[in-house]
């Protein structure tokens, strides 16, 4: 996920950002494609996206 042509050439599945977006907005525009990628990757790997392992609501202190 980039607007840099050199970085996109190196990617296996590049996602190009529009070049006219101000740099301060780039993180906001990149978040949704990155989250969708992570969601699809967990589904392909067979993981449960609704209950990730090793995450609890309670923090244990020792």
PDB file of N, CA and C in Angstrom:
ATOM      1  N   UNK A   1       0.870  -1.161   0.000  1.00  0.00           N
ATOM      2  CA  UNK A   1       0.000   0.000   0.000  1.00  0.00           C
ATOM      3  C   UNK A   1       0.914   1.220   0.000  1.00  0.00           C
ATOM      4  N   UNK A   2       0.967   1.891  -1.150  1.00  0.00           N
ATOM      5  CA  UNK A   2       1.889   3.014  -1.264  1.00  0.00           C
ATOM      6  C   UNK A   2       1.521   3.875  -2.461  1.00  0.00           C
ATOM      7  N   UNK A   3       2.072   5.078  -2.481  1.00  0.00           N
ATOM      8  CA  UNK A   3       1.981   5.910  -3.671  1.00  0.00           C
ATOM      9  C   UNK A   3       3.343   6.032  -4.341  1.00  0.00           C
ATOM     10  N   UNK A   4       4.338   5.306  -3.814  1.00  0.00           N
ATOM     11  CA  UNK A   4       5.694   5.315  -4.355  1.00  0.00           C
ATOM     12  C   UNK A   4       5.833   4.213  -5.401  1.00  0.00           C
ATOM     13  N   UNK A   5       6.069   4.558  -6.671  1.00  0.00           N
ATOM     14  CA  UNK A   5       6.176   3.540  -7.721  1.00  0.00           C
ATOM     15  C   UNK A   5       7.292   2.526  -7.465  1.00  0.00           C
ATOM     16  N   UNK A   6       8.404   2.960  -6.858  1.00  0.00           N
ATOM     17  CA  UNK A   6       9.510   2.039  -6.578  1.00  0.00           C
ATOM     18  C   UNK A   6       9.103   0.983  -5.556  1.00  0.00           C
ATOM     19  N   UNK A   7       8.324   1.363  -4.572  1.00  0.00           N
ATOM     20  CA  UNK A   7       7.858   0.403  -3.567  1.00  0.00           C
ATOM     21  C   UNK A   7       6.830  -0.545  -4.164  1.00  0.00           C
ATOM     22  N   UNK A   8       5.965  -0.045  -5.035  1.00  0.00           N
ATOM     23  CA  UNK A   8       4.926  -0.880  -5.638  1.00  0.00           C
ATOM     24  C   UNK A   8       5.511  -1.944  -6.552  1.00  0.00           C
ATOM     25  N   UNK A   9       6.645  -1.642  -7.195  1.00  0.00           N
ATOM     26  CA  UNK A   9       7.295  -2.617  -8.077  1.00  0.00           C
ATOM     27  C   UNK A   9       7.758  -3.829  -7.278  1.00  0.00           C
ATOM     28  N   UNK A  10       8.154  -3.626  -6.039  1.00  0.00           N
ATOM     29  CA  UNK A  10       8.667  -4.713  -5.203  1.00  0.00           C
ATOM     30  C   UNK A  10       7.564  -5.581  -4.613  1.00  0.00           C
ATOM     31  N   UNK A  11       6.336  -5.099  -4.616  1.00  0.00           N
ATOM     32  CA  UNK A  11       5.233  -5.814  -3.974  1.00  0.00           C
ATOM     33  C   UNK A  11       4.677  -6.912  -4.867  1.00  0.00           C
ATOM     34  N   UNK A  12       4.234  -7.995  -4.239  1.00  0.00           N
ATOM     35  CA  UNK A  12       3.602  -9.082  -4.976  1.00  0.00           C
ATOM     36  C   UNK A  12       2.167  -8.713  -5.358  1.00  0.00           C
ATOM     37  N   UNK A  13       1.460  -8.054  -4.467  1.00  0.00           N
ATOM     38  CA  UNK A  13       0.089  -7.594  -4.726  1.00  0.00           C
ATOM     39  C   UNK A  13      -0.003  -6.120  -4.337  1.00  0.00           C
ATOM     40  N   UNK A  14       0.477  -5.235  -5.196  1.00  0.00           N
ATOM     41  CA  UNK A  14       0.516  -3.819  -4.829  1.00  0.00           C
ATOM     42  C   UNK A  14      -0.864  -3.178  -4.798  1.00  0.00           C
ATOM     43  N   UNK A  15      -1.023  -2.267  -3.872  1.00  0.00           N
ATOM     44  CA  UNK A  15      -2.222  -1.434  -3.797  1.00  0.00           C
ATOM     45  C   UNK A  15      -1.733   0.005  -3.872  1.00  0.00           C
ATOM     46  N   UNK A  16      -2.064   0.674  -4.965  1.00  0.00           N
ATOM     47  CA  UNK A  16      -1.577   2.032  -5.171  1.00  0.00           C
ATOM     48  C   UNK A  16      -2.529   3.053  -4.571  1.00  0.00           C
ATOM     49  N   UNK A  17      -1.945   3.967  -3.811  1.00  0.00           N
ATOM     50  CA  UNK A  17      -2.703   5.087  -3.278  1.00  0.00           C
ATOM     51  C   UNK A  17      -2.716   6.201  -4.318  1.00  0.00           C
ATOM     52  N   UNK A  18      -3.762   6.996  -4.349  1.00  0.00           N
ATOM     53  CA  UNK A  18      -3.762   8.138  -5.263  1.00  0.00           C
ATOM     54  C   UNK A  18      -2.611   9.084  -4.925  1.00  0.00           C
ATOM     55  N   UNK A  19      -1.865   9.543  -5.920  1.00  0.00           N
ATOM     56  CA  UNK A  19      -0.687  10.375  -5.643  1.00  0.00           C
ATOM     57  C   UNK A  19      -1.014  11.781  -5.144  1.00  0.00           C
ATOM     58  N   UNK A  20      -2.221  12.254  -5.344  1.00  0.00           N
ATOM     59  CA  UNK A  20      -2.533  13.628  -4.956  1.00  0.00           C
ATOM     60  C   UNK A  20      -3.004  13.770  -3.512  1.00  0.00           C
ATOM     61  N   UNK A  21      -3.010  12.691  -2.745  1.00  0.00           N
ATOM     62  CA  UNK A  21      -3.425  12.758  -1.337  1.00  0.00           C
ATOM     63  C   UNK A  21      -2.311  13.406  -0.518  1.00  0.00           C
ATOM     64  N   UNK A  22      -2.644  14.387   0.322  1.00  0.00           N
ATOM     65  CA  UNK A  22      -1.622  14.973   1.197  1.00  0.00           C
ATOM     66  C   UNK A  22      -1.038  13.903   2.126  1.00  0.00           C
ATOM     67  N   UNK A  23       0.228  14.049   2.435  1.00  0.00           N
ATOM     68  CA  UNK A  23       0.910  13.025   3.235  1.00  0.00           C
ATOM     69  C   UNK A  23       0.247  12.810   4.590  1.00  0.00           C
ATOM     70  N   UNK A  24      -0.309  13.845   5.186  1.00  0.00           N
ATOM     71  CA  UNK A  24      -0.926  13.692   6.504  1.00  0.00           C
ATOM     72  C   UNK A  24      -2.202  12.858   6.446  1.00  0.00           C
ATOM     73  N   UNK A  25      -2.816  12.695   5.262  1.00  0.00           N
ATOM     74  CA  UNK A  25      -4.006  11.858   5.116  1.00  0.00           C
ATOM     75  C   UNK A  25      -3.672  10.417   4.735  1.00  0.00           C
ATOM     76  N   UNK A  26      -2.444  10.170   4.347  1.00  0.00           N
ATOM     77  CA  UNK A  26      -2.051   8.839   3.886  1.00  0.00           C
ATOM     78  C   UNK A  26      -2.347   7.741   4.908  1.00  0.00           C
ATOM     79  N   UNK A  27      -2.062   7.917   6.202  1.00  0.00           N
ATOM     80  CA  UNK A  27      -2.399   6.845   7.151  1.00  0.00           C
ATOM     81  C   UNK A  27      -3.886   6.522   7.185  1.00  0.00           C
ATOM     82  N   UNK A  28      -4.728   7.536   7.082  1.00  0.00           N
ATOM     83  CA  UNK A  28      -6.171   7.294   7.105  1.00  0.00           C
ATOM     84  C   UNK A  28      -6.625   6.504   5.888  1.00  0.00           C
ATOM     85  N   UNK A  29      -6.038   6.788   4.732  1.00  0.00           N
ATOM     86  CA  UNK A  29      -6.408   6.099   3.499  1.00  0.00           C
ATOM     87  C   UNK A  29      -5.838   4.681   3.475  1.00  0.00           C
ATOM     88  N   UNK A  30      -4.747   4.443   4.187  1.00  0.00           N
ATOM     89  CA  UNK A  30      -4.097   3.131   4.193  1.00  0.00           C
ATOM     90  C   UNK A  30      -4.715   2.162   5.188  1.00  0.00           C
ATOM     91  N   UNK A  31      -5.375   2.660   6.210  1.00  0.00           N
ATOM     92  CA  UNK A  31      -5.876   1.805   7.290  1.00  0.00           C
ATOM     93  C   UNK A  31      -6.904   0.797   6.794  1.00  0.00           C
ATOM     94  N   UNK A  32      -7.883   1.240   6.021  1.00  0.00           N
ATOM     95  CA  UNK A  32      -8.955   0.338   5.589  1.00  0.00           C
ATOM     96  C   UNK A  32      -8.424  -0.785   4.701  1.00  0.00           C
ATOM     97  N   UNK A  33      -7.604  -0.506   3.667  1.00  0.00           N
ATOM     98  CA  UNK A  33      -7.056  -1.629   2.889  1.00  0.00           C
ATOM     99  C   UNK A  33      -6.205  -2.580   3.735  1.00  0.00           C
ATOM    100  N   UNK A  34      -5.452  -2.040   4.697  1.00  0.00           N
ATOM    101  CA  UNK A  34      -4.626  -2.896   5.549  1.00  0.00           C
ATOM    102  C   UNK A  34      -5.493  -3.779   6.442  1.00  0.00           C
ATOM    103  N   UNK A  35      -6.582  -3.238   6.977  1.00  0.00           N
ATOM    104  CA  UNK A  35      -7.477  -4.040   7.812  1.00  0.00           C
ATOM    105  C   UNK A  35      -8.187  -5.107   6.986  1.00  0.00           C
ATOM    106  N   UNK A  36      -8.600  -4.762   5.777  1.00  0.00           N
ATOM    107  CA  UNK A  36      -9.228  -5.759   4.903  1.00  0.00           C
ATOM    108  C   UNK A  36      -8.243  -6.865   4.544  1.00  0.00           C
ATOM    109  N   UNK A  37      -6.993  -6.491   4.278  1.00  0.00           N
ATOM    110  CA  UNK A  37      -5.964  -7.487   3.985  1.00  0.00           C
ATOM    111  C   UNK A  37      -5.785  -8.427   5.172  1.00  0.00           C
ATOM    112  N   UNK A  38      -5.693  -7.877   6.380  1.00  0.00           N
ATOM    113  CA  UNK A  38      -5.522  -8.700   7.577  1.00  0.00           C
ATOM    114  C   UNK A  38      -6.717  -9.619   7.790  1.00  0.00           C
ATOM    115  N   UNK A  39      -7.915  -9.117   7.555  1.00  0.00           N
ATOM    116  CA  UNK A  39      -9.126  -9.926   7.718  1.00  0.00           C
ATOM    117  C   UNK A  39      -9.142 -11.091   6.732  1.00  0.00           C
ATOM    118  N   UNK A  40      -8.845 -10.809   5.474  1.00  0.00           N
ATOM    119  CA  UNK A  40      -8.840 -11.871   4.465  1.00  0.00           C
ATOM    120  C   UNK A  40      -7.713 -12.874   4.708  1.00  0.00           C
ATOM    121  N   UNK A  41      -6.574 -12.391   5.182  1.00  0.00           N
ATOM    122  CA  UNK A  41      -5.459 -13.293   5.473  1.00  0.00           C
ATOM    123  C   UNK A  41      -5.814 -14.261   6.597  1.00  0.00           C
ATOM    124  N   UNK A  42      -6.479 -13.775   7.644  1.00  0.00           N
ATOM    125  CA  UNK A  42      -6.866 -14.680   8.728  1.00  0.00           C
ATOM    126  C   UNK A  42      -7.892 -15.700   8.254  1.00  0.00           C
ATOM    127  N   UNK A  43      -8.788 -15.300   7.369  1.00  0.00           N
ATOM    128  CA  UNK A  43      -9.773 -16.240   6.837  1.00  0.00           C
ATOM    129  C   UNK A  43      -9.104 -17.300   5.971  1.00  0.00           C
ATOM    130  N   UNK A  44      -8.133 -16.898   5.150  1.00  0.00           N
ATOM    131  CA  UNK A  44      -7.419 -17.851   4.296  1.00  0.00           C
ATOM    132  C   UNK A  44      -6.645 -18.851   5.146  1.00  0.00           C
ATOM    133  N   UNK A  45      -6.061 -18.372   6.240  1.00  0.00           N
ATOM    134  CA  UNK A  45      -5.292 -19.254   7.121  1.00  0.00           C
ATOM    135  C   UNK A  45      -6.179 -20.088   8.033  1.00  0.00           C
ATOM    136  N   UNK A  46      -7.480 -19.810   8.047  1.00  0.00           N
ATOM    137  CA  UNK A  46      -8.403 -20.600   8.849  1.00  0.00           C
ATOM    138  C   UNK A  46      -8.522 -20.157  10.292  1.00  0.00           C
ATOM    139  N   UNK A  47      -8.088 -18.955  10.607  1.00  0.00           N
ATOM    140  CA  UNK A  47      -8.189 -18.445  11.967  1.00  0.00           C
ATOM    141  C   UNK A  47      -9.565 -17.829  12.193  1.00  0.00           C
ATOM    142  N   UNK A  48      -9.985 -17.802  13.447  1.00  0.00           N
ATOM    143  CA  UNK A  48     -11.255 -17.185  13.806  1.00  0.00           C
ATOM    144  C   UNK A  48     -11.019 -15.699  14.058  1.00  0.00           C
ATOM    145  N   UNK A  49     -11.544 -14.854  13.193  1.00  0.00           N
ATOM    146  CA  UNK A  49     -11.309 -13.416  13.328  1.00  0.00           C
ATOM    147  C   UNK A  49     -12.076 -12.798  14.490  1.00  0.00           C
ATOM    148  N   UNK A  50     -13.117 -13.476  14.968  1.00  0.00           N
ATOM    149  CA  UNK A  50     -13.916 -12.927  16.061  1.00  0.00           C
ATOM    150  C   UNK A  50     -13.357 -13.241  17.440  1.00  0.00           C
ATOM    151  N   UNK A  51     -12.505 -14.239  17.550  1.00  0.00           N
ATOM    152  CA  UNK A  51     -11.905 -14.549  18.847  1.00  0.00           C
ATOM    153  C   UNK A  51     -10.453 -14.968  18.651  1.00  0.00           C
ATOM    154  N   UNK A  52      -9.574 -13.977  18.533  1.00  0.00           N
ATOM    155  CA  UNK A  52      -8.159 -14.283  18.358  1.00  0.00           C
ATOM    156  C   UNK A  52      -7.578 -14.957  19.595  1.00  0.00           C
ATOM    157  N   UNK A  53      -6.629 -15.838  19.389  1.00  0.00           N
ATOM    158  CA  UNK A  53      -6.027 -16.558  20.515  1.00  0.00           C
ATOM    159  C   UNK A  53      -5.112 -15.623  21.310  1.00  0.00           C
ATOM    160  N   UNK A  54      -4.891 -15.987  22.530  1.00  0.00           N
ATOM    161  CA  UNK A  54      -3.992 -15.275  23.446  1.00  0.00           C
ATOM    162  C   UNK A  54      -4.442 -13.857  23.781  1.00  0.00           C
ATOM    163  N   UNK A  55      -5.706 -13.550  23.585  1.00  0.00           N
ATOM    164  CA  UNK A  55      -6.215 -12.237  23.977  1.00  0.00           C
ATOM    165  C   UNK A  55      -7.311 -12.449  25.017  1.00  0.00           C
ATOM    166  N   UNK A  56      -7.154 -11.794  26.163  1.00  0.00           N
ATOM    167  CA  UNK A  56      -8.153 -11.895  27.221  1.00  0.00           C
ATOM    168  C   UNK A  56      -8.573 -10.498  27.652  1.00  0.00           C
ATOM    169  N   UNK A  57      -9.701 -10.415  28.325  1.00  0.00           N
ATOM    170  CA  UNK A  57     -10.174  -9.132  28.826  1.00  0.00           C
ATOM    171  C   UNK A  57      -9.461  -8.742  30.117  1.00  0.00           C
ATOM    172  N   UNK A  58      -8.881  -9.711  30.788  1.00  0.00           N
ATOM    173  CA  UNK A  58      -8.248  -9.471  32.079  1.00  0.00           C
ATOM    174  C   UNK A  58      -6.740  -9.558  31.923  1.00  0.00           C
ATOM    175  N   UNK A  59      -6.041  -8.578  32.473  1.00  0.00           N
ATOM    176  CA  UNK A  59      -4.589  -8.608  32.481  1.00  0.00           C
ATOM    177  C   UNK A  59      -4.135  -9.204  33.805  1.00  0.00           C
ATOM    178  N   UNK A  60      -3.393 -10.296  33.727  1.00  0.00           N
ATOM    179  CA  UNK A  60      -2.898 -10.951  34.936  1.00  0.00           C
ATOM    180  C   UNK A  60      -1.548 -10.368  35.310  1.00  0.00           C
ATOM    181  N   UNK A  61      -1.398 -10.012  36.563  1.00  0.00           N
ATOM    182  CA  UNK A  61      -0.111  -9.531  37.056  1.00  0.00           C
ATOM    183  C   UNK A  61       0.445 -10.552  38.031  1.00  0.00           C
ATOM    184  N   UNK A  62       1.732 -10.746  37.974  1.00  0.00           N
ATOM    185  CA  UNK A  62       2.390 -11.743  38.833  1.00  0.00           C
ATOM    186  C   UNK A  62       3.415 -11.080  39.702  1.00  0.00           C
TER     187      UNK A  62
END
